[in-house]
Amino acid sequence: SDKGKIAGLQLLGERKSFANLNIVLEQINSDSPLVKETAYHTLKDIVLAKDFTTVCNMLEKAAPAETAPLQRAAAASLIDYPQDKQLETIYTRMNGMAANKQYFYYPVLGATGTQQALETIAERFVSETGKGKDIAFQALIDWKGIEAAEYLYAVFKNASAITYFDRALAKYIELVSSAGLTGENLRLRLTQALGIAQTTAQKNRILTLLGHTNTYLGMLLAGQYLNEIELQQAAGLTVMNIALNNKDYTGRNVEELLNKVIEILDNPDADYQRQAIRKHLAEIPKEEGF
């Protein structure tokens, strides 16, 4: 039965049953769409480096729905190779193809996680058009590490890449805010993004994350948005959170910002927050400050 075949395929994958690759390849020709799909998704768990060429031959002829599982399988087959050998193997195969089909291998390159692969993908995003550009962009978006941030910044800074702007900015913000950067480094990255952000939602997201920088300059930057109706709530909470976390941030400008926050706060906890700010203002020394 199809149910039995699907369960059998899943078991082969879970057991990393490399010796049974041919069984899985047979089921790729199944008449049952579900069996076929399961077989494709099982490939990544049972391929070795010797199977790379077989997988690539399939990938280059694949229907769109089958492309991603085959790309994952191609990448997985090389996992036991050192990184330089993985790259060499992928580049050799990729460069043997027509230029307008090399994009099949961008996600496979991306899976290596190497700086060289990242640079290739970023270059291809710039130089390609159409489908190749889209796939290079997706490989950038799928990148796991902070090292992709500068390339994404280049994308959303470029006015001609407008169709990619929202996704590039969202991924950039996700990368820089989850990378464990120091407060000052996070502030620098978020300041860059805030300068280019277009929508209210994007700006509010960045203003909220500025609160995590816990920096004096982050507080001042958020303070510049306290008069903008659509941004002032996120900005106000960030000013409040940074100021209350840092008793050494004193002086007239800090007091002015906090008094402004008291005026504008509008949320279910606002009364409690105003009390906390007033208490803080009463406790910090009166001085010119930073």
C-alpha atoms as a PDB file:
ATOM      1  CA  SER A   1       0.000   0.000   0.000  1.00  0.00           C
ATOM      2  CA  ASP A   2       1.016   3.635  -0.422  1.00  0.00           C
ATOM      3  CA  LYS A   3       0.853   4.107   3.344  1.00  0.00           C
ATOM      4  CA  GLY A   4       3.258   1.213   3.825  1.00  0.00           C
ATOM      5  CA  LYS A   5       5.646   2.571   1.187  1.00  0.00           C
ATOM      6  CA  ILE A   6       5.656   6.022   2.787  1.00  0.00           C
ATOM      7  CA  ALA A   7       6.359   4.554   6.235  1.00  0.00           C
ATOM      8  CA  GLY A   8       9.125   2.385   4.737  1.00  0.00           C
ATOM      9  CA  LEU A   9      10.750   5.369   3.007  1.00  0.00           C
ATOM     10  CA  GLN A  10      10.630   7.440   6.195  1.00  0.00           C
ATOM     11  CA  LEU A  11      12.250   4.591   8.115  1.00  0.00           C
ATOM     12  CA  LEU A  12      15.084   4.320   5.556  1.00  0.00           C
ATOM     13  CA  GLY A  13      15.699   8.057   5.946  1.00  0.00           C
ATOM     14  CA  GLU A  14      15.683   7.934   9.735  1.00  0.00           C
ATOM     15  CA  ARG A  15      18.139   5.041   9.702  1.00  0.00           C
ATOM     16  CA  LYS A  16      20.416   6.756   7.157  1.00  0.00           C
ATOM     17  CA  SER A  17      20.148   3.591   5.105  1.00  0.00           C
ATOM     18  CA  PHE A  18      22.742   4.488   2.446  1.00  0.00           C
ATOM     19  CA  ALA A  19      22.720   0.970   0.977  1.00  0.00           C
ATOM     20  CA  ASN A  20      19.063   1.325  -0.007  1.00  0.00           C
ATOM     21  CA  LEU A  21      19.342   4.370  -2.263  1.00  0.00           C
ATOM     22  CA  ASN A  22      18.049   2.371  -5.231  1.00  0.00           C
ATOM     23  CA  ILE A  23      14.825   1.506  -3.404  1.00  0.00           C
ATOM     24  CA  VAL A  24      14.196   5.218  -2.871  1.00  0.00           C
ATOM     25  CA  LEU A  25      15.093   6.046  -6.479  1.00  0.00           C
ATOM     26  CA  GLU A  26      12.549   3.465  -7.671  1.00  0.00           C
ATOM     27  CA  GLN A  27       9.796   5.104  -5.609  1.00  0.00           C
ATOM     28  CA  ILE A  28      10.562   8.450  -7.254  1.00  0.00           C
ATOM     29  CA  ASN A  29       8.800   6.989 -10.290  1.00  0.00           C
ATOM     30  CA  SER A  30       5.732   6.003  -8.237  1.00  0.00           C
ATOM     31  CA  ASP A  31       2.266   6.845  -9.579  1.00  0.00           C
ATOM     32  CA  SER A  32       1.278   8.044  -6.108  1.00  0.00           C
ATOM     33  CA  PRO A  33       2.110  11.752  -5.637  1.00  0.00           C
ATOM     34  CA  LEU A  34       2.566  11.252  -1.873  1.00  0.00           C
ATOM     35  CA  VAL A  35       4.943   8.298  -2.268  1.00  0.00           C
ATOM     36  CA  LYS A  36       6.880  10.245  -4.889  1.00  0.00           C
ATOM     37  CA  GLU A  37       7.117  13.330  -2.665  1.00  0.00           C
ATOM     38  CA  THR A  38       8.253  11.253   0.329  1.00  0.00           C
ATOM     39  CA  ALA A  39      10.921   9.579  -1.815  1.00  0.00           C
ATOM     40  CA  TYR A  40      12.299  12.956  -2.927  1.00  0.00           C
ATOM     41  CA  HIS A  41      12.394  14.217   0.659  1.00  0.00           C
ATOM     42  CA  THR A  42      14.117  11.022   1.843  1.00  0.00           C
ATOM     43  CA  LEU A  43      17.015  11.378  -0.602  1.00  0.00           C
ATOM     44  CA  LYS A  44      18.934  13.898   1.533  1.00  0.00           C
ATOM     45  CA  ASP A  45      19.224  11.330   4.339  1.00  0.00           C
ATOM     46  CA  ILE A  46      20.624   8.442   2.293  1.00  0.00           C
ATOM     47  CA  VAL A  47      23.075   9.938  -0.222  1.00  0.00           C
ATOM     48  CA  LEU A  48      26.866   9.897  -0.085  1.00  0.00           C
ATOM     49  CA  ALA A  49      29.515  11.742  -2.095  1.00  0.00           C
ATOM     50  CA  LYS A  50      29.522   8.948  -4.705  1.00  0.00           C
ATOM     51  CA  ASP A  51      25.848   9.769  -5.411  1.00  0.00           C
ATOM     52  CA  PHE A  52      26.441  13.477  -6.100  1.00  0.00           C
ATOM     53  CA  THR A  53      26.479  13.055  -9.888  1.00  0.00           C
ATOM     54  CA  THR A  54      23.294  10.952  -9.862  1.00  0.00           C
ATOM     55  CA  VAL A  55      21.485  13.603  -7.825  1.00  0.00           C
ATOM     56  CA  CYS A  56      22.782  16.423 -10.052  1.00  0.00           C
ATOM     57  CA  ASN A  57      21.604  14.636 -13.199  1.00  0.00           C
ATOM     58  CA  MET A  58      18.137  14.460 -11.652  1.00  0.00           C
ATOM     59  CA  LEU A  59      18.269  18.064 -10.434  1.00  0.00           C
ATOM     60  CA  GLU A  60      19.073  19.466 -13.853  1.00  0.00           C
ATOM     61  CA  LYS A  61      15.980  17.805 -15.349  1.00  0.00           C
ATOM     62  CA  ALA A  62      13.679  18.257 -12.348  1.00  0.00           C
ATOM     63  CA  ALA A  63      10.205  19.760 -12.278  1.00  0.00           C
ATOM     64  CA  PRO A  64       9.944  22.870 -10.063  1.00  0.00           C
ATOM     65  CA  ALA A  65       8.343  20.987  -7.139  1.00  0.00           C
ATOM     66  CA  GLU A  66      11.237  18.510  -7.069  1.00  0.00           C
ATOM     67  CA  THR A  67      14.063  21.045  -7.311  1.00  0.00           C
ATOM     68  CA  ALA A  68      14.417  21.970  -3.619  1.00  0.00           C
ATOM     69  CA  PRO A  69      14.583  18.388  -2.229  1.00  0.00           C
ATOM     70  CA  LEU A  70      17.177  17.514  -4.888  1.00  0.00           C
ATOM     71  CA  GLN A  71      19.241  20.596  -4.020  1.00  0.00           C
ATOM     72  CA  ARG A  72      19.149  19.541  -0.368  1.00  0.00           C
ATOM     73  CA  ALA A  73      20.192  16.022  -1.372  1.00  0.00           C
ATOM     74  CA  ALA A  74      23.095  17.319  -3.504  1.00  0.00           C
ATOM     75  CA  ALA A  75      24.350  19.396  -0.564  1.00  0.00           C
ATOM     76  CA  ALA A  76      23.858  16.538   1.912  1.00  0.00           C
ATOM     77  CA  SER A  77      25.804  14.079  -0.235  1.00  0.00           C
ATOM     78  CA  LEU A  78      28.993  16.140   0.224  1.00  0.00           C
ATOM     79  CA  ILE A  79      28.677  16.638   3.963  1.00  0.00           C
ATOM     80  CA  ASP A  80      31.613  14.341   4.805  1.00  0.00           C
ATOM     81  CA  TYR A  81      33.979  16.267   2.523  1.00  0.00           C
ATOM     82  CA  PRO A  82      36.091  19.131   3.901  1.00  0.00           C
ATOM     83  CA  GLN A  83      34.662  22.511   2.883  1.00  0.00           C
ATOM     84  CA  ASP A  84      37.196  23.219   0.143  1.00  0.00           C
ATOM     85  CA  LYS A  85      36.434  19.877  -1.504  1.00  0.00           C
ATOM     86  CA  GLN A  86      32.697  20.497  -1.222  1.00  0.00           C
ATOM     87  CA  LEU A  87      33.177  23.828  -2.998  1.00  0.00           C
ATOM     88  CA  GLU A  88      35.441  22.381  -5.664  1.00  0.00           C
ATOM     89  CA  THR A  89      32.921  19.612  -6.412  1.00  0.00           C
ATOM     90  CA  ILE A  90      29.976  22.022  -6.652  1.00  0.00           C
ATOM     91  CA  TYR A  91      31.828  24.656  -8.717  1.00  0.00           C
ATOM     92  CA  THR A  92      33.074  22.004 -11.155  1.00  0.00           C
ATOM     93  CA  ARG A  93      29.538  20.771 -11.748  1.00  0.00           C
ATOM     94  CA  MET A  94      28.045  24.272 -11.861  1.00  0.00           C
ATOM     95  CA  ASN A  95      30.612  25.698 -14.249  1.00  0.00           C
ATOM     96  CA  GLY A  96      30.045  22.781 -16.606  1.00  0.00           C
ATOM     97  CA  MET A  97      26.489  23.995 -17.186  1.00  0.00           C
ATOM     98  CA  ALA A  98      25.122  26.709 -19.455  1.00  0.00           C
ATOM     99  CA  ALA A  99      25.378  30.080 -17.703  1.00  0.00           C
ATOM    100  CA  ASN A 100      21.592  30.501 -17.628  1.00  0.00           C
ATOM    101  CA  LYS A 101      21.154  27.230 -15.709  1.00  0.00           C
ATOM    102  CA  GLN A 102      23.876  27.602 -13.086  1.00  0.00           C
ATOM    103  CA  TYR A 103      21.345  28.945 -10.598  1.00  0.00           C
ATOM    104  CA  PHE A 104      20.325  25.342  -9.840  1.00  0.00           C
ATOM    105  CA  TYR A 105      23.480  25.197  -7.707  1.00  0.00           C
ATOM    106  CA  TYR A 106      23.190  28.452  -5.731  1.00  0.00           C
ATOM    107  CA  PRO A 107      21.284  26.788  -2.845  1.00  0.00           C
ATOM    108  CA  VAL A 108      23.767  23.886  -2.921  1.00  0.00           C
ATOM    109  CA  LEU A 109      26.631  26.379  -2.619  1.00  0.00           C
ATOM    110  CA  GLY A 110      24.748  28.179   0.144  1.00  0.00           C
ATOM    111  CA  ALA A 111      24.512  24.976   2.160  1.00  0.00           C
ATOM    112  CA  THR A 112      28.334  24.901   2.507  1.00  0.00           C
ATOM    113  CA  GLY A 113      28.137  28.015   4.701  1.00  0.00           C
ATOM    114  CA  THR A 114      31.489  29.250   3.340  1.00  0.00           C
ATOM    115  CA  GLN A 115      32.513  32.849   2.741  1.00  0.00           C
ATOM    116  CA  GLN A 116      33.471  31.985  -0.845  1.00  0.00           C
ATOM    117  CA  ALA A 117      29.994  30.605  -1.528  1.00  0.00           C
ATOM    118  CA  LEU A 118      28.399  33.687   0.022  1.00  0.00           C
ATOM    119  CA  GLU A 119      30.486  35.970  -2.201  1.00  0.00           C
ATOM    120  CA  THR A 120      29.574  33.975  -5.315  1.00  0.00           C
ATOM    121  CA  ILE A 121      25.865  34.126  -4.462  1.00  0.00           C
ATOM    122  CA  ALA A 122      26.029  37.876  -3.776  1.00  0.00           C
ATOM    123  CA  GLU A 123      27.899  38.485  -7.054  1.00  0.00           C
ATOM    124  CA  ARG A 124      25.355  36.425  -8.985  1.00  0.00           C
ATOM    125  CA  PHE A 125      22.505  38.365  -7.414  1.00  0.00           C
ATOM    126  CA  VAL A 126      24.044  41.566  -8.763  1.00  0.00           C
ATOM    127  CA  SER A 127      24.917  40.233 -12.223  1.00  0.00           C
ATOM    128  CA  GLU A 128      21.904  38.041 -13.013  1.00  0.00           C
ATOM    129  CA  THR A 129      18.378  38.880 -14.096  1.00  0.00           C
ATOM    130  CA  GLY A 130      15.089  37.018 -13.857  1.00  0.00           C
ATOM    131  CA  LYS A 131      15.059  33.577 -12.317  1.00  0.00           C
ATOM    132  CA  GLY A 132      18.802  33.472 -11.607  1.00  0.00           C
ATOM    133  CA  LYS A 133      18.559  36.726  -9.643  1.00  0.00           C
ATOM    134  CA  ASP A 134      15.549  35.457  -7.662  1.00  0.00           C
ATOM    135  CA  ILE A 135      17.292  32.209  -6.740  1.00  0.00           C
ATOM    136  CA  ALA A 136      20.520  33.975  -5.756  1.00  0.00           C
ATOM    137  CA  PHE A 137      18.439  36.270  -3.558  1.00  0.00           C
ATOM    138  CA  GLN A 138      16.649  33.331  -1.939  1.00  0.00           C
ATOM    139  CA  ALA A 139      20.045  31.748  -1.193  1.00  0.00           C
ATOM    140  CA  LEU A 140      21.071  35.009   0.531  1.00  0.00           C
ATOM    141  CA  ILE A 141      17.833  35.044   2.543  1.00  0.00           C
ATOM    142  CA  ASP A 142      18.349  31.410   3.565  1.00  0.00           C
ATOM    143  CA  TRP A 143      21.885  32.131   4.843  1.00  0.00           C
ATOM    144  CA  LYS A 144      22.155  31.412   8.561  1.00  0.00           C
ATOM    145  CA  GLY A 145      25.054  33.572   9.736  1.00  0.00           C
ATOM    146  CA  ILE A 146      25.615  37.268  10.459  1.00  0.00           C
ATOM    147  CA  GLU A 147      28.191  37.375   7.638  1.00  0.00           C
ATOM    148  CA  ALA A 148      25.298  37.702   5.140  1.00  0.00           C
ATOM    149  CA  ALA A 149      24.134  40.965   6.746  1.00  0.00           C
ATOM    150  CA  GLU A 150      26.471  43.265   4.810  1.00  0.00           C
ATOM    151  CA  TYR A 151      25.368  41.705   1.506  1.00  0.00           C
ATOM    152  CA  LEU A 152      21.687  42.112   2.427  1.00  0.00           C
ATOM    153  CA  TYR A 153      22.407  45.721   3.400  1.00  0.00           C
ATOM    154  CA  ALA A 154      23.828  46.264  -0.087  1.00  0.00           C
ATOM    155  CA  VAL A 155      20.581  44.856  -1.532  1.00  0.00           C
ATOM    156  CA  PHE A 156      18.151  47.080   0.332  1.00  0.00           C
ATOM    157  CA  LYS A 157      20.391  50.149   0.008  1.00  0.00           C
ATOM    158  CA  ASN A 158      20.221  49.777  -3.773  1.00  0.00           C
ATOM    159  CA  ALA A 159      17.197  51.624  -5.153  1.00  0.00           C
ATOM    160  CA  SER A 160      17.085  49.403  -8.250  1.00  0.00           C
ATOM    161  CA  ALA A 161      16.498  46.274  -6.133  1.00  0.00           C
ATOM    162  CA  ILE A 162      13.142  47.542  -4.907  1.00  0.00           C
ATOM    163  CA  THR A 163      11.290  44.223  -5.331  1.00  0.00           C
ATOM    164  CA  TYR A 164      13.702  42.620  -2.854  1.00  0.00           C
ATOM    165  CA  PHE A 165      13.719  45.480  -0.340  1.00  0.00           C
ATOM    166  CA  ASP A 166      11.217  44.253   2.269  1.00  0.00           C
ATOM    167  CA  ARG A 167      12.576  40.708   2.444  1.00  0.00           C
ATOM    168  CA  ALA A 168      16.214  41.855   2.530  1.00  0.00           C
ATOM    169  CA  LEU A 169      15.545  44.343   5.325  1.00  0.00           C
ATOM    170  CA  ALA A 170      13.536  41.817   7.364  1.00  0.00           C
ATOM    171  CA  LYS A 171      16.298  39.207   7.113  1.00  0.00           C
ATOM    172  CA  TYR A 172      18.994  41.802   7.899  1.00  0.00           C
ATOM    173  CA  ILE A 173      17.127  42.838  11.052  1.00  0.00           C
ATOM    174  CA  GLU A 174      16.653  39.189  12.041  1.00  0.00           C
ATOM    175  CA  LEU A 175      20.370  38.416  11.560  1.00  0.00           C
ATOM    176  CA  VAL A 176      21.775  41.430  13.397  1.00  0.00           C
ATOM    177  CA  SER A 177      19.338  41.149  16.302  1.00  0.00           C
ATOM    178  CA  SER A 178      20.022  37.463  16.932  1.00  0.00           C
ATOM    179  CA  ALA A 179      23.801  37.439  16.447  1.00  0.00           C
ATOM    180  CA  GLY A 180      24.782  38.298  20.013  1.00  0.00           C
ATOM    181  CA  LEU A 181      26.460  41.545  18.906  1.00  0.00           C
ATOM    182  CA  THR A 182      27.615  44.040  21.519  1.00  0.00           C
ATOM    183  CA  GLY A 183      25.117  46.816  22.204  1.00  0.00           C
ATOM    184  CA  GLU A 184      27.190  49.338  20.284  1.00  0.00           C
ATOM    185  CA  ASN A 185      27.600  47.099  17.220  1.00  0.00           C
ATOM    186  CA  LEU A 186      23.887  46.307  17.224  1.00  0.00           C
ATOM    187  CA  ARG A 187      23.116  50.027  17.464  1.00  0.00           C
ATOM    188  CA  LEU A 188      25.315  50.768  14.435  1.00  0.00           C
ATOM    189  CA  ARG A 189      23.621  48.055  12.344  1.00  0.00           C
ATOM    190  CA  LEU A 190      20.114  49.111  13.386  1.00  0.00           C
ATOM    191  CA  THR A 191      20.896  52.790  12.753  1.00  0.00           C
ATOM    192  CA  GLN A 192      21.867  51.895   9.177  1.00  0.00           C
ATOM    193  CA  ALA A 193      18.609  50.017   8.713  1.00  0.00           C
ATOM    194  CA  LEU A 194      16.457  52.738  10.281  1.00  0.00           C
ATOM    195  CA  GLY A 195      17.910  55.282   7.864  1.00  0.00           C
ATOM    196  CA  ILE A 196      16.617  53.256   4.915  1.00  0.00           C
ATOM    197  CA  ALA A 197      13.447  51.619   6.305  1.00  0.00           C
ATOM    198  CA  GLN A 198      10.324  52.624   4.372  1.00  0.00           C
ATOM    199  CA  THR A 199       7.227  51.432   6.190  1.00  0.00           C
ATOM    200  CA  THR A 200       5.893  52.309   9.625  1.00  0.00           C
ATOM    201  CA  ALA A 201       6.019  48.633  10.613  1.00  0.00           C
ATOM    202  CA  GLN A 202       9.700  48.371   9.634  1.00  0.00           C
ATOM    203  CA  LYS A 203      10.606  51.513  11.567  1.00  0.00           C
ATOM    204  CA  ASN A 204       8.675  50.409  14.656  1.00  0.00           C
ATOM    205  CA  ARG A 205      10.396  47.018  14.594  1.00  0.00           C
ATOM    206  CA  ILE A 206      13.829  48.682  14.466  1.00  0.00           C
ATOM    207  CA  LEU A 207      12.939  51.223  17.159  1.00  0.00           C
ATOM    208  CA  THR A 208      11.832  48.383  19.446  1.00  0.00           C
ATOM    209  CA  LEU A 209      15.066  46.460  18.826  1.00  0.00           C
ATOM    210  CA  LEU A 210      17.106  49.592  19.577  1.00  0.00           C
ATOM    211  CA  GLY A 211      15.933  49.069  23.150  1.00  0.00           C
ATOM    212  CA  HIS A 212      18.048  45.898  23.250  1.00  0.00           C
ATOM    213  CA  THR A 213      21.225  47.894  22.542  1.00  0.00           C
ATOM    214  CA  ASN A 214      21.042  49.432  26.028  1.00  0.00           C
ATOM    215  CA  THR A 215      23.224  52.275  24.710  1.00  0.00           C
ATOM    216  CA  TYR A 216      23.083  56.018  25.304  1.00  0.00           C
ATOM    217  CA  LEU A 217      23.211  56.724  21.575  1.00  0.00           C
ATOM    218  CA  GLY A 218      20.448  54.180  20.957  1.00  0.00           C
ATOM    219  CA  MET A 219      18.283  56.066  23.449  1.00  0.00           C
ATOM    220  CA  LEU A 220      19.017  59.408  21.765  1.00  0.00           C
ATOM    221  CA  LEU A 221      18.221  57.959  18.341  1.00  0.00           C
ATOM    222  CA  ALA A 222      14.858  56.623  19.532  1.00  0.00           C
ATOM    223  CA  GLY A 223      14.276  60.018  21.144  1.00  0.00           C
ATOM    224  CA  GLN A 224      14.282  61.637  17.701  1.00  0.00           C
ATOM    225  CA  TYR A 225      11.017  59.815  16.891  1.00  0.00           C
ATOM    226  CA  LEU A 226       8.979  60.827  19.943  1.00  0.00           C
ATOM    227  CA  ASN A 227       7.019  63.422  17.941  1.00  0.00           C
ATOM    228  CA  GLU A 228       6.067  61.074  15.096  1.00  0.00           C
ATOM    229  CA  ILE A 229       2.578  59.820  15.900  1.00  0.00           C
ATOM    230  CA  GLU A 230       2.953  56.411  14.218  1.00  0.00           C
ATOM    231  CA  LEU A 231       6.381  55.725  15.741  1.00  0.00           C
ATOM    232  CA  GLN A 232       6.262  57.423  19.126  1.00  0.00           C
ATOM    233  CA  GLN A 233       4.997  54.428  21.140  1.00  0.00           C
ATOM    234  CA  ALA A 234       7.858  52.130  20.096  1.00  0.00           C
ATOM    235  CA  ALA A 235      10.332  55.012  20.416  1.00  0.00           C
ATOM    236  CA  GLY A 236       8.997  55.964  23.845  1.00  0.00           C
ATOM    237  CA  LEU A 237       9.282  52.449  25.259  1.00  0.00           C
ATOM    238  CA  THR A 238      12.849  52.179  23.976  1.00  0.00           C
ATOM    239  CA  VAL A 239      13.857  55.511  25.542  1.00  0.00           C
ATOM    240  CA  MET A 240      12.214  54.415  28.807  1.00  0.00           C
ATOM    241  CA  ASN A 241      13.772  50.938  28.862  1.00  0.00           C
ATOM    242  CA  ILE A 242      17.305  52.161  28.159  1.00  0.00           C
ATOM    243  CA  ALA A 243      17.092  55.073  30.607  1.00  0.00           C
ATOM    244  CA  LEU A 244      15.654  52.975  33.433  1.00  0.00           C
ATOM    245  CA  ASN A 245      18.296  50.292  32.913  1.00  0.00           C
ATOM    246  CA  ASN A 246      21.137  52.826  33.135  1.00  0.00           C
ATOM    247  CA  LYS A 247      21.139  55.114  36.139  1.00  0.00           C
ATOM    248  CA  ASP A 248      24.374  56.674  34.884  1.00  0.00           C
ATOM    249  CA  TYR A 249      22.604  58.131  31.829  1.00  0.00           C
ATOM    250  CA  THR A 250      21.878  61.524  33.373  1.00  0.00           C
ATOM    251  CA  GLY A 251      21.541  65.136  32.370  1.00  0.00           C
ATOM    252  CA  ARG A 252      19.036  67.584  30.971  1.00  0.00           C
ATOM    253  CA  ASN A 253      18.558  65.824  27.625  1.00  0.00           C
ATOM    254  CA  VAL A 254      17.712  62.530  29.359  1.00  0.00           C
ATOM    255  CA  GLU A 255      15.208  64.305  31.633  1.00  0.00           C
ATOM    256  CA  GLU A 256      13.603  66.061  28.648  1.00  0.00           C
ATOM    257  CA  LEU A 257      13.269  62.784  26.760  1.00  0.00           C
ATOM    258  CA  LEU A 258      11.730  61.001  29.737  1.00  0.00           C
ATOM    259  CA  ASN A 259       9.279  63.831  30.419  1.00  0.00           C
ATOM    260  CA  LYS A 260       8.216  63.638  26.784  1.00  0.00           C
ATOM    261  CA  VAL A 261       7.755  59.858  27.133  1.00  0.00           C
ATOM    262  CA  ILE A 262       5.507  60.446  30.177  1.00  0.00           C
ATOM    263  CA  GLU A 263       3.290  62.655  27.970  1.00  0.00           C
ATOM    264  CA  ILE A 264       2.948  60.278  25.033  1.00  0.00           C
ATOM    265  CA  LEU A 265       2.763  56.781  26.555  1.00  0.00           C
ATOM    266  CA  ASP A 266      -0.472  55.099  25.517  1.00  0.00           C
ATOM    267  CA  ASN A 267      -0.810  51.409  26.394  1.00  0.00           C
ATOM    268  CA  PRO A 268      -2.461  49.296  29.132  1.00  0.00           C
ATOM    269  CA  ASP A 269       0.646  49.591  31.363  1.00  0.00           C
ATOM    270  CA  ALA A 270       1.154  53.325  30.822  1.00  0.00           C
ATOM    271  CA  ASP A 271       0.202  54.409  34.362  1.00  0.00           C
ATOM    272  CA  TYR A 272       2.641  51.952  35.889  1.00  0.00           C
ATOM    273  CA  GLN A 273       5.332  53.030  33.395  1.00  0.00           C
ATOM    274  CA  ARG A 274       4.830  56.726  34.191  1.00  0.00           C
ATOM    275  CA  GLN A 275       5.267  55.988  37.899  1.00  0.00           C
ATOM    276  CA  ALA A 276       8.501  54.109  37.183  1.00  0.00           C
ATOM    277  CA  ILE A 277       9.826  57.001  35.080  1.00  0.00           C
ATOM    278  CA  ARG A 278       8.932  59.612  37.729  1.00  0.00           C
ATOM    279  CA  LYS A 279      10.625  57.521  40.407  1.00  0.00           C
ATOM    280  CA  HIS A 280      13.707  57.216  38.181  1.00  0.00           C
ATOM    281  CA  LEU A 281      13.783  60.979  37.527  1.00  0.00           C
ATOM    282  CA  ALA A 282      13.571  61.664  41.253  1.00  0.00           C
ATOM    283  CA  GLU A 283      16.513  59.343  41.935  1.00  0.00           C
ATOM    284  CA  ILE A 284      19.028  60.326  39.254  1.00  0.00           C
ATOM    285  CA  PRO A 285      21.416  63.182  40.058  1.00  0.00           C
ATOM    286  CA  LYS A 286      20.658  66.571  38.503  1.00  0.00           C
ATOM    287  CA  GLU A 287      23.597  67.359  36.255  1.00  0.00           C
ATOM    288  CA  GLU A 288      24.392  68.296  32.686  1.00  0.00           C
ATOM    289  CA  GLY A 289      25.170  64.656  31.926  1.00  0.00           C
ATOM    290  CA  PHE A 290      26.757  63.165  28.818  1.00  0.00           C
END
